[in-house]
Amino acid sequence: MSNERVCIYAKDVSALLGKSYKQAVRILATIKAAYGKREHQYLTMEEFASYTGIDIATVRAQCRG
């Protein structure tokens, strides 16, 4: 079983896009709304990559540290 994380957080989005934390929270809320997710549901790295058009490998590499 892999211990690799699948969800993306505002901190990750902030670092990846060079935006403030608050802007990253808003971006995640916009993407969740586009996918019809509720506030308490998580967003996967794949969903984020698909919505933004950023390569999934780039997203995973940034989120790894």
C-alpha atoms as a PDB file:
ATOM      1  CA  MET A   1       0.000   0.000   0.000  1.00  0.00           C
ATOM      2  CA  SER A   2       1.379   3.378  -1.027  1.00  0.00           C
ATOM      3  CA  ASN A   3       1.589   6.239   1.438  1.00  0.00           C
ATOM      4  CA  GLU A   4       1.445   8.809  -1.341  1.00  0.00           C
ATOM      5  CA  ARG A   5      -1.034  11.601  -0.852  1.00  0.00           C
ATOM      6  CA  VAL A   6      -3.820  12.088  -3.418  1.00  0.00           C
ATOM      7  CA  CYS A   7      -5.455  15.314  -2.220  1.00  0.00           C
ATOM      8  CA  ILE A   8      -4.263  18.826  -2.931  1.00  0.00           C
ATOM      9  CA  TYR A   9      -4.393  21.604  -0.372  1.00  0.00           C
ATOM     10  CA  ALA A  10      -4.351  25.391  -0.535  1.00  0.00           C
ATOM     11  CA  LYS A  11      -0.728  25.435   0.632  1.00  0.00           C
ATOM     12  CA  ASP A  12       0.219  23.308  -2.396  1.00  0.00           C
ATOM     13  CA  VAL A  13      -1.762  25.489  -4.803  1.00  0.00           C
ATOM     14  CA  SER A  14      -0.167  28.606  -3.348  1.00  0.00           C
ATOM     15  CA  ALA A  15       3.354  27.271  -3.937  1.00  0.00           C
ATOM     16  CA  LEU A  16       2.526  25.816  -7.356  1.00  0.00           C
ATOM     17  CA  LEU A  17       0.874  28.923  -8.792  1.00  0.00           C
ATOM     18  CA  GLY A  18       2.727  31.588  -6.830  1.00  0.00           C
ATOM     19  CA  LYS A  19      -0.499  32.929  -5.332  1.00  0.00           C
ATOM     20  CA  SER A  20      -1.320  33.928  -1.776  1.00  0.00           C
ATOM     21  CA  TYR A  21      -2.896  31.373   0.537  1.00  0.00           C
ATOM     22  CA  LYS A  22      -6.271  33.165   0.397  1.00  0.00           C
ATOM     23  CA  GLN A  23      -6.225  33.197  -3.403  1.00  0.00           C
ATOM     24  CA  ALA A  24      -5.363  29.498  -3.383  1.00  0.00           C
ATOM     25  CA  VAL A  25      -8.388  28.794  -1.155  1.00  0.00           C
ATOM     26  CA  ARG A  26     -10.607  30.672  -3.628  1.00  0.00           C
ATOM     27  CA  ILE A  27      -9.111  28.764  -6.577  1.00  0.00           C
ATOM     28  CA  LEU A  28      -9.810  25.433  -4.874  1.00  0.00           C
ATOM     29  CA  ALA A  29     -13.386  26.551  -4.121  1.00  0.00           C
ATOM     30  CA  THR A  30     -13.870  27.460  -7.801  1.00  0.00           C
ATOM     31  CA  ILE A  31     -12.572  24.063  -8.939  1.00  0.00           C
ATOM     32  CA  LYS A  32     -14.740  22.231  -6.388  1.00  0.00           C
ATOM     33  CA  ALA A  33     -17.795  24.118  -7.667  1.00  0.00           C
ATOM     34  CA  ALA A  34     -16.916  23.177 -11.249  1.00  0.00           C
ATOM     35  CA  TYR A  35     -16.804  19.497 -10.258  1.00  0.00           C
ATOM     36  CA  GLY A  36     -19.984  19.751  -8.189  1.00  0.00           C
ATOM     37  CA  LYS A  37     -18.236  18.950  -4.923  1.00  0.00           C
ATOM     38  CA  ARG A  38     -19.411  20.108  -1.525  1.00  0.00           C
ATOM     39  CA  GLU A  39     -17.321  22.243   0.819  1.00  0.00           C
ATOM     40  CA  HIS A  40     -16.300  19.298   3.019  1.00  0.00           C
ATOM     41  CA  GLN A  41     -15.121  17.158   0.095  1.00  0.00           C
ATOM     42  CA  TYR A  42     -11.503  17.009  -0.980  1.00  0.00           C
ATOM     43  CA  LEU A  43     -10.023  17.778  -4.380  1.00  0.00           C
ATOM     44  CA  THR A  44      -7.596  15.304  -5.900  1.00  0.00           C
ATOM     45  CA  MET A  45      -4.368  16.246  -7.620  1.00  0.00           C
ATOM     46  CA  GLU A  46      -5.742  14.739 -10.826  1.00  0.00           C
ATOM     47  CA  GLU A  47      -8.843  16.936 -10.722  1.00  0.00           C
ATOM     48  CA  PHE A  48      -6.698  20.006 -10.085  1.00  0.00           C
ATOM     49  CA  ALA A  49      -4.314  19.127 -12.921  1.00  0.00           C
ATOM     50  CA  SER A  50      -7.184  18.450 -15.314  1.00  0.00           C
ATOM     51  CA  TYR A  51      -8.931  21.733 -14.508  1.00  0.00           C
ATOM     52  CA  THR A  52      -5.821  23.910 -14.671  1.00  0.00           C
ATOM     53  CA  GLY A  53      -4.137  22.146 -17.577  1.00  0.00           C
ATOM     54  CA  ILE A  54      -0.950  21.638 -15.574  1.00  0.00           C
ATOM     55  CA  ASP A  55       0.772  18.302 -16.106  1.00  0.00           C
ATOM     56  CA  ILE A  56       0.003  15.846 -13.285  1.00  0.00           C
ATOM     57  CA  ALA A  57       3.703  14.999 -12.895  1.00  0.00           C
ATOM     58  CA  THR A  58       4.466  18.668 -12.214  1.00  0.00           C
ATOM     59  CA  VAL A  59       1.678  18.860  -9.632  1.00  0.00           C
ATOM     60  CA  ARG A  60       2.856  15.703  -7.843  1.00  0.00           C
ATOM     61  CA  ALA A  61       6.486  16.824  -7.854  1.00  0.00           C
ATOM     62  CA  GLN A  62       5.560  20.195  -6.320  1.00  0.00           C
ATOM     63  CA  CYS A  63       3.356  18.605  -3.669  1.00  0.00           C
ATOM     64  CA  ARG A  64       6.035  16.140  -2.673  1.00  0.00           C
ATOM     65  CA  GLY A  65       8.230  18.871  -1.324  1.00  0.00           C
END
